[in-house]
């Protein structure tokens, strides 16, 4: 094995770790979202698994937009 291949090994390992982290974060966020109906949640899970990077980024962007529009719980003006 040429030494040149060893130069790319850390980049490949880092890419794999980032890919797994992004996918796991999207699936965790999707599992905890109660505002998504079950059929839509199944489609999102399928999108995250089939298109791991694009599906995860789209889900995290959509969920961020949804949660940013919700009022905060700590706004108790009595």
C-alpha atoms as a PDB file:
ATOM      1  CA  UNK A   1       0.000   0.000   0.000  1.00  0.00           C
ATOM      2  CA  UNK A   2       1.491   3.342  -0.995  1.00  0.00           C
ATOM      3  CA  UNK A   3       1.988   5.968   1.668  1.00  0.00           C
ATOM      4  CA  UNK A   4      -0.253   8.381  -0.265  1.00  0.00           C
ATOM      5  CA  UNK A   5      -3.303   6.355   0.756  1.00  0.00           C
ATOM      6  CA  UNK A   6      -2.465   6.885   4.415  1.00  0.00           C
ATOM      7  CA  UNK A   7      -2.780  10.639   3.955  1.00  0.00           C
ATOM      8  CA  UNK A   8      -6.489  10.255   3.218  1.00  0.00           C
ATOM      9  CA  UNK A   9      -7.232   7.865   6.114  1.00  0.00           C
ATOM     10  CA  UNK A  10      -7.831  10.596   8.762  1.00  0.00           C
ATOM     11  CA  UNK A  11     -10.089  12.494   6.363  1.00  0.00           C
ATOM     12  CA  UNK A  12     -12.093   9.356   5.639  1.00  0.00           C
ATOM     13  CA  UNK A  13     -12.405   8.576   9.353  1.00  0.00           C
ATOM     14  CA  UNK A  14     -13.497  12.133  10.160  1.00  0.00           C
ATOM     15  CA  UNK A  15     -16.037  12.068   7.329  1.00  0.00           C
ATOM     16  CA  UNK A  16     -17.482   8.821   8.653  1.00  0.00           C
ATOM     17  CA  UNK A  17     -17.755  10.209  12.194  1.00  0.00           C
ATOM     18  CA  UNK A  18     -19.448  13.394  10.957  1.00  0.00           C
ATOM     19  CA  UNK A  19     -21.829  11.398   8.754  1.00  0.00           C
ATOM     20  CA  UNK A  20     -22.830   9.096  11.622  1.00  0.00           C
ATOM     21  CA  UNK A  21     -23.225  12.003  14.039  1.00  0.00           C
ATOM     22  CA  UNK A  22     -25.400  13.993  11.645  1.00  0.00           C
ATOM     23  CA  UNK A  23     -27.605  11.012  10.866  1.00  0.00           C
ATOM     24  CA  UNK A  24     -27.945  10.042  14.532  1.00  0.00           C
ATOM     25  CA  UNK A  25     -28.805  13.623  15.523  1.00  0.00           C
ATOM     26  CA  UNK A  26     -31.480  13.840  12.835  1.00  0.00           C
ATOM     27  CA  UNK A  27     -33.025  10.496  13.825  1.00  0.00           C
ATOM     28  CA  UNK A  28     -32.935  11.445  17.519  1.00  0.00           C
ATOM     29  CA  UNK A  29     -34.573  14.791  16.787  1.00  0.00           C
ATOM     30  CA  UNK A  30     -37.143  13.106  14.584  1.00  0.00           C
ATOM     31  CA  UNK A  31     -38.006  10.524  17.235  1.00  0.00           C
ATOM     32  CA  UNK A  32     -38.566  13.245  19.826  1.00  0.00           C
ATOM     33  CA  UNK A  33     -40.747  15.488  17.677  1.00  0.00           C
ATOM     34  CA  UNK A  34     -44.374  15.208  18.707  1.00  0.00           C
ATOM     35  CA  UNK A  35     -45.625  17.744  16.170  1.00  0.00           C
ATOM     36  CA  UNK A  36     -45.011  15.434  13.186  1.00  0.00           C
ATOM     37  CA  UNK A  37     -47.736  12.964  12.253  1.00  0.00           C
ATOM     38  CA  UNK A  38     -46.768   9.290  12.163  1.00  0.00           C
ATOM     39  CA  UNK A  39     -46.983   8.864   8.352  1.00  0.00           C
ATOM     40  CA  UNK A  40     -44.882  11.988   7.812  1.00  0.00           C
ATOM     41  CA  UNK A  41     -42.405  10.819  10.451  1.00  0.00           C
ATOM     42  CA  UNK A  42     -41.968   7.536   8.600  1.00  0.00           C
ATOM     43  CA  UNK A  43     -41.268   9.421   5.375  1.00  0.00           C
ATOM     44  CA  UNK A  44     -38.718  11.636   7.144  1.00  0.00           C
ATOM     45  CA  UNK A  45     -36.997   8.593   8.636  1.00  0.00           C
ATOM     46  CA  UNK A  46     -36.866   7.024   5.193  1.00  0.00           C
ATOM     47  CA  UNK A  47     -35.433  10.243   3.740  1.00  0.00           C
ATOM     48  CA  UNK A  48     -32.758  10.434   6.443  1.00  0.00           C
ATOM     49  CA  UNK A  49     -31.762   6.814   5.867  1.00  0.00           C
ATOM     50  CA  UNK A  50     -31.875   6.824   2.048  1.00  0.00           C
ATOM     51  CA  UNK A  51     -30.358  10.301   1.606  1.00  0.00           C
ATOM     52  CA  UNK A  52     -28.321  10.505   4.796  1.00  0.00           C
ATOM     53  CA  UNK A  53     -26.680  13.899   4.470  1.00  0.00           C
ATOM     54  CA  UNK A  54     -29.365  15.702   2.454  1.00  0.00           C
ATOM     55  CA  UNK A  55     -32.236  14.143   4.418  1.00  0.00           C
ATOM     56  CA  UNK A  56     -30.642  14.928   7.771  1.00  0.00           C
ATOM     57  CA  UNK A  57     -29.860  18.520   6.824  1.00  0.00           C
ATOM     58  CA  UNK A  58     -33.374  19.054   5.447  1.00  0.00           C
ATOM     59  CA  UNK A  59     -34.944  17.570   8.585  1.00  0.00           C
ATOM     60  CA  UNK A  60     -32.807  19.621  10.948  1.00  0.00           C
ATOM     61  CA  UNK A  61     -33.582  22.792   8.961  1.00  0.00           C
ATOM     62  CA  UNK A  62     -37.323  22.041   8.930  1.00  0.00           C
ATOM     63  CA  UNK A  63     -37.427  21.212  12.626  1.00  0.00           C
ATOM     64  CA  UNK A  64     -35.395  24.309  13.498  1.00  0.00           C
ATOM     65  CA  UNK A  65     -37.801  26.496  11.544  1.00  0.00           C
ATOM     66  CA  UNK A  66     -40.755  24.836  13.296  1.00  0.00           C
ATOM     67  CA  UNK A  67     -39.321  25.146  16.813  1.00  0.00           C
ATOM     68  CA  UNK A  68     -38.138  28.711  16.214  1.00  0.00           C
ATOM     69  CA  UNK A  69     -41.709  29.705  15.406  1.00  0.00           C
ATOM     70  CA  UNK A  70     -43.074  28.260  18.663  1.00  0.00           C
ATOM     71  CA  UNK A  71     -43.319  30.554  21.670  1.00  0.00           C
ATOM     72  CA  UNK A  72     -40.838  29.948  24.453  1.00  0.00           C
ATOM     73  CA  UNK A  73     -42.073  28.236  27.620  1.00  0.00           C
ATOM     74  CA  UNK A  74     -40.293  30.698  29.915  1.00  0.00           C
ATOM     75  CA  UNK A  75     -42.409  33.658  28.799  1.00  0.00           C
ATOM     76  CA  UNK A  76     -44.735  33.700  31.801  1.00  0.00           C
ATOM     77  CA  UNK A  77     -46.224  37.174  31.933  1.00  0.00           C
ATOM     78  CA  UNK A  78     -48.880  36.924  34.626  1.00  0.00           C
END
